[in-house]
C-alpha cells in the first residue's frame, strides 16, 4: 500500500485582521491536505522550542488554510509561526 502525504511549502500569511471580538485571524495557501500547527510568543527572541502551541490551522477549502487566535484579546503584541509536522 502506498500512502501519499502532502508536502508543505513555504507559508506566506494573507489577510491578517483583528476581529470585532479582539481575536486575531490570518489565512494562507499551501498544499491541499497538508497539516499545520500555529505557535506564538510575545517576545520573538524566545527560543522556538519555548513558543506556545495555539492549535492547528483549519483547511477551509482545497489548499486554503485559516487560523483564528481566540486568546488574542488582551494581548497587545503577539508573534506567530506556522509549523508543518
N, C-alpha and C. Protein backbone atom coordinates (compact mmCIF):
# COMPACT_ATOMS: atom_id res chain seq x y z
N UNK A 1 0.83 -1.15 0.00
CA UNK A 1 0.00 0.00 0.00
C UNK A 1 0.89 1.23 0.00
N UNK A 2 0.60 2.18 -0.86
CA UNK A 2 1.29 3.47 -0.90
C UNK A 2 0.44 4.51 -0.21
N UNK A 3 1.07 5.27 0.63
CA UNK A 3 0.38 6.38 1.30
C UNK A 3 1.05 7.66 0.86
N UNK A 4 0.25 8.56 0.31
CA UNK A 4 0.77 9.84 -0.15
C UNK A 4 0.48 10.91 0.89
N UNK A 5 1.53 11.56 1.37
CA UNK A 5 1.39 12.62 2.35
C UNK A 5 1.70 13.94 1.67
N UNK A 6 0.77 14.92 1.73
CA UNK A 6 1.04 16.22 1.11
C UNK A 6 2.28 16.87 1.72
N UNK A 7 3.11 17.44 0.87
CA UNK A 7 4.31 18.12 1.33
C UNK A 7 4.05 19.62 1.38
N UNK A 8 4.24 20.19 2.55
CA UNK A 8 4.02 21.62 2.72
C UNK A 8 5.15 22.42 2.08
N UNK A 9 4.81 23.59 1.59
CA UNK A 9 5.79 24.51 1.04
C UNK A 9 5.86 25.74 1.96
N UNK A 10 6.68 26.70 1.62
CA UNK A 10 6.79 27.91 2.44
C UNK A 10 5.42 28.58 2.58
N UNK A 11 5.17 29.13 3.74
CA UNK A 11 3.88 29.76 4.04
C UNK A 11 4.03 31.28 4.01
N UNK A 12 3.10 31.93 3.32
CA UNK A 12 3.00 33.39 3.35
C UNK A 12 1.64 33.73 3.90
N UNK A 13 1.61 34.45 5.01
CA UNK A 13 0.34 34.79 5.63
C UNK A 13 -0.40 35.83 4.81
N UNK A 14 -1.70 35.65 4.69
CA UNK A 14 -2.57 36.56 3.94
C UNK A 14 -3.66 37.08 4.87
N UNK A 15 -4.19 38.20 4.55
CA UNK A 15 -5.39 38.75 5.19
C UNK A 15 -5.34 38.75 6.71
N UNK A 16 -4.24 39.20 7.33
CA UNK A 16 -4.26 39.27 8.79
C UNK A 16 -5.25 40.34 9.23
N UNK A 17 -6.05 40.03 10.26
CA UNK A 17 -7.01 41.03 10.73
C UNK A 17 -7.38 40.78 12.19
N UNK A 18 -7.64 41.88 12.87
CA UNK A 18 -8.16 41.81 14.23
C UNK A 18 -9.68 41.86 14.11
N UNK A 19 -10.34 40.90 14.68
CA UNK A 19 -11.78 40.81 14.57
C UNK A 19 -12.46 41.68 15.63
N UNK A 20 -13.76 41.92 15.47
CA UNK A 20 -14.51 42.79 16.38
C UNK A 20 -14.42 42.33 17.83
N UNK A 21 -14.32 41.02 18.06
CA UNK A 21 -14.25 40.49 19.42
C UNK A 21 -12.83 40.48 19.98
N UNK A 22 -11.85 41.01 19.21
CA UNK A 22 -10.46 41.07 19.65
C UNK A 22 -9.61 39.90 19.21
N UNK A 23 -10.22 38.86 18.65
CA UNK A 23 -9.46 37.72 18.15
C UNK A 23 -8.64 38.16 16.94
N UNK A 24 -7.54 37.46 16.68
CA UNK A 24 -6.69 37.75 15.52
C UNK A 24 -6.81 36.58 14.56
N UNK A 25 -6.96 36.89 13.27
CA UNK A 25 -7.16 35.84 12.26
C UNK A 25 -6.26 36.07 11.06
N UNK A 26 -5.72 34.98 10.52
CA UNK A 26 -4.96 35.07 9.27
C UNK A 26 -5.23 33.83 8.44
N UNK A 27 -4.89 33.92 7.16
CA UNK A 27 -5.06 32.79 6.26
C UNK A 27 -3.79 32.63 5.44
N UNK A 28 -3.68 31.48 4.78
CA UNK A 28 -2.55 31.22 3.89
C UNK A 28 -2.92 30.07 2.97
N UNK A 29 -2.18 29.95 1.89
CA UNK A 29 -2.39 28.84 0.96
C UNK A 29 -1.20 27.90 1.03
N UNK A 30 -1.46 26.64 0.70
CA UNK A 30 -0.42 25.63 0.69
C UNK A 30 -0.98 24.38 0.02
N UNK A 31 -0.25 23.29 0.14
CA UNK A 31 -0.65 22.04 -0.50
C UNK A 31 -1.96 21.53 0.12
N UNK A 32 -2.95 21.20 -0.71
CA UNK A 32 -4.20 20.66 -0.17
C UNK A 32 -3.92 19.41 0.67
N UNK A 33 -4.57 19.35 1.82
CA UNK A 33 -4.43 18.19 2.70
C UNK A 33 -3.26 18.25 3.67
N UNK A 34 -2.39 19.26 3.53
CA UNK A 34 -1.25 19.40 4.45
C UNK A 34 -1.79 19.79 5.83
N UNK A 35 -0.99 19.53 6.86
CA UNK A 35 -1.40 19.86 8.22
C UNK A 35 -0.44 20.88 8.81
N UNK A 36 -1.01 21.83 9.57
CA UNK A 36 -0.22 22.92 10.14
C UNK A 36 -0.62 23.19 11.57
N UNK A 37 0.36 23.53 12.38
CA UNK A 37 0.13 23.98 13.74
C UNK A 37 0.61 25.42 13.84
N UNK A 38 0.04 26.16 14.78
CA UNK A 38 0.41 27.56 14.97
C UNK A 38 0.95 27.72 16.39
N UNK A 39 2.09 28.41 16.50
CA UNK A 39 2.69 28.72 17.79
C UNK A 39 2.85 30.23 17.89
N UNK A 40 2.96 30.75 19.13
CA UNK A 40 3.06 32.20 19.31
C UNK A 40 3.85 32.54 20.57
N UNK A 41 4.37 33.77 20.57
CA UNK A 41 5.04 34.36 21.74
C UNK A 41 4.81 35.87 21.73
N UNK A 42 5.08 36.49 22.85
CA UNK A 42 5.01 37.96 22.90
C UNK A 42 6.38 38.58 22.69
N UNK A 43 7.44 37.76 22.76
CA UNK A 43 8.81 38.23 22.58
C UNK A 43 9.50 37.32 21.55
N UNK A 44 9.78 37.82 20.34
CA UNK A 44 10.32 36.95 19.29
C UNK A 44 11.74 36.45 19.52
N UNK A 45 12.42 36.94 20.56
CA UNK A 45 13.78 36.46 20.84
C UNK A 45 13.77 35.15 21.63
N UNK A 46 12.61 34.72 22.08
CA UNK A 46 12.48 33.45 22.81
C UNK A 46 12.79 32.30 21.85
N UNK A 47 13.50 31.31 22.33
CA UNK A 47 13.85 30.15 21.50
C UNK A 47 12.59 29.48 20.95
N UNK A 48 12.64 29.02 19.70
CA UNK A 48 11.47 28.39 19.08
C UNK A 48 10.89 27.22 19.89
N UNK A 49 11.72 26.53 20.64
CA UNK A 49 11.23 25.40 21.44
C UNK A 49 10.36 25.87 22.60
N UNK A 50 10.39 27.16 22.92
CA UNK A 50 9.61 27.68 24.04
C UNK A 50 8.37 28.46 23.61
N UNK A 51 8.07 28.46 22.32
CA UNK A 51 6.86 29.13 21.85
C UNK A 51 5.64 28.31 22.29
N UNK A 52 4.53 28.97 22.50
CA UNK A 52 3.30 28.32 22.96
C UNK A 52 2.49 27.80 21.77
N UNK A 53 2.11 26.54 21.84
CA UNK A 53 1.27 25.96 20.79
C UNK A 53 -0.17 26.45 20.97
N UNK A 54 -0.74 26.99 19.89
CA UNK A 54 -2.11 27.52 19.94
C UNK A 54 -3.13 26.59 19.29
N UNK A 55 -2.65 25.62 18.51
CA UNK A 55 -3.57 24.71 17.84
C UNK A 55 -3.28 24.62 16.36
N UNK A 56 -4.18 23.98 15.65
CA UNK A 56 -3.98 23.76 14.23
C UNK A 56 -4.72 24.75 13.36
N UNK A 57 -4.17 24.97 12.18
CA UNK A 57 -4.87 25.77 11.17
C UNK A 57 -5.91 24.88 10.50
N UNK A 58 -7.02 25.46 10.11
CA UNK A 58 -8.12 24.72 9.51
C UNK A 58 -8.09 24.91 8.00
N UNK A 59 -8.23 23.81 7.27
CA UNK A 59 -8.31 23.90 5.81
C UNK A 59 -9.76 24.21 5.45
N UNK A 60 -10.00 25.44 5.00
CA UNK A 60 -11.36 25.90 4.72
C UNK A 60 -11.78 25.65 3.28
N UNK A 61 -10.84 25.28 2.45
CA UNK A 61 -11.05 24.93 1.05
C UNK A 61 -9.77 24.26 0.58
N UNK A 62 -9.78 23.61 -0.57
CA UNK A 62 -8.57 22.93 -1.02
C UNK A 62 -7.35 23.86 -1.07
N UNK A 63 -6.40 23.61 -0.19
CA UNK A 63 -5.18 24.42 -0.15
C UNK A 63 -5.34 25.79 0.49
N UNK A 64 -6.52 26.09 1.05
CA UNK A 64 -6.80 27.37 1.71
C UNK A 64 -6.92 27.12 3.21
N UNK A 65 -6.03 27.72 3.99
CA UNK A 65 -5.99 27.48 5.43
C UNK A 65 -6.27 28.76 6.19
N UNK A 66 -6.82 28.59 7.41
CA UNK A 66 -7.16 29.74 8.23
C UNK A 66 -6.90 29.40 9.70
N UNK A 67 -6.46 30.41 10.44
CA UNK A 67 -6.27 30.24 11.88
C UNK A 67 -6.83 31.47 12.58
N UNK A 68 -7.55 31.23 13.67
CA UNK A 68 -8.09 32.32 14.48
C UNK A 68 -7.57 32.15 15.91
N UNK A 69 -6.91 33.17 16.41
CA UNK A 69 -6.39 33.17 17.78
C UNK A 69 -7.41 33.82 18.69
N UNK A 70 -8.23 32.99 19.33
CA UNK A 70 -9.27 33.49 20.23
C UNK A 70 -8.68 33.98 21.54
N UNK A 71 -7.39 33.67 21.81
CA UNK A 71 -6.73 34.11 23.03
C UNK A 71 -6.12 35.51 22.88
N UNK A 72 -6.16 36.09 21.69
CA UNK A 72 -5.50 37.37 21.41
C UNK A 72 -6.06 38.57 22.17
N UNK A 73 -7.37 38.63 22.48
CA UNK A 73 -7.85 39.81 23.19
C UNK A 73 -7.08 39.99 24.50
N UNK A 74 -6.65 41.21 24.75
CA UNK A 74 -5.92 41.49 25.98
C UNK A 74 -4.41 41.31 25.85
N UNK A 75 -3.95 40.81 24.70
CA UNK A 75 -2.51 40.66 24.46
C UNK A 75 -2.13 41.74 23.44
N UNK A 76 -1.42 42.77 23.85
CA UNK A 76 -1.16 43.90 22.95
C UNK A 76 -0.28 43.58 21.75
N UNK A 77 0.60 42.58 21.89
CA UNK A 77 1.51 42.22 20.78
C UNK A 77 1.80 40.73 20.85
N UNK A 78 1.72 40.06 19.70
CA UNK A 78 1.99 38.62 19.64
C UNK A 78 2.62 38.30 18.29
N UNK A 79 3.58 37.36 18.30
CA UNK A 79 4.25 36.92 17.08
C UNK A 79 3.85 35.47 16.83
N UNK A 80 3.63 35.14 15.55
CA UNK A 80 3.12 33.82 15.18
C UNK A 80 4.08 33.10 14.25
N UNK A 81 4.06 31.78 14.34
CA UNK A 81 4.77 30.91 13.39
C UNK A 81 3.81 29.80 13.01
N UNK A 82 3.88 29.41 11.76
CA UNK A 82 3.10 28.28 11.28
C UNK A 82 4.09 27.14 11.06
N UNK A 83 3.76 26.00 11.64
CA UNK A 83 4.64 24.82 11.52
C UNK A 83 3.90 23.69 10.80
N UNK A 84 4.67 22.92 10.09
CA UNK A 84 4.14 21.72 9.46
C UNK A 84 4.84 20.53 10.10
N UNK A 85 4.04 19.56 10.56
CA UNK A 85 4.66 18.42 11.25
C UNK A 85 5.77 17.73 10.52
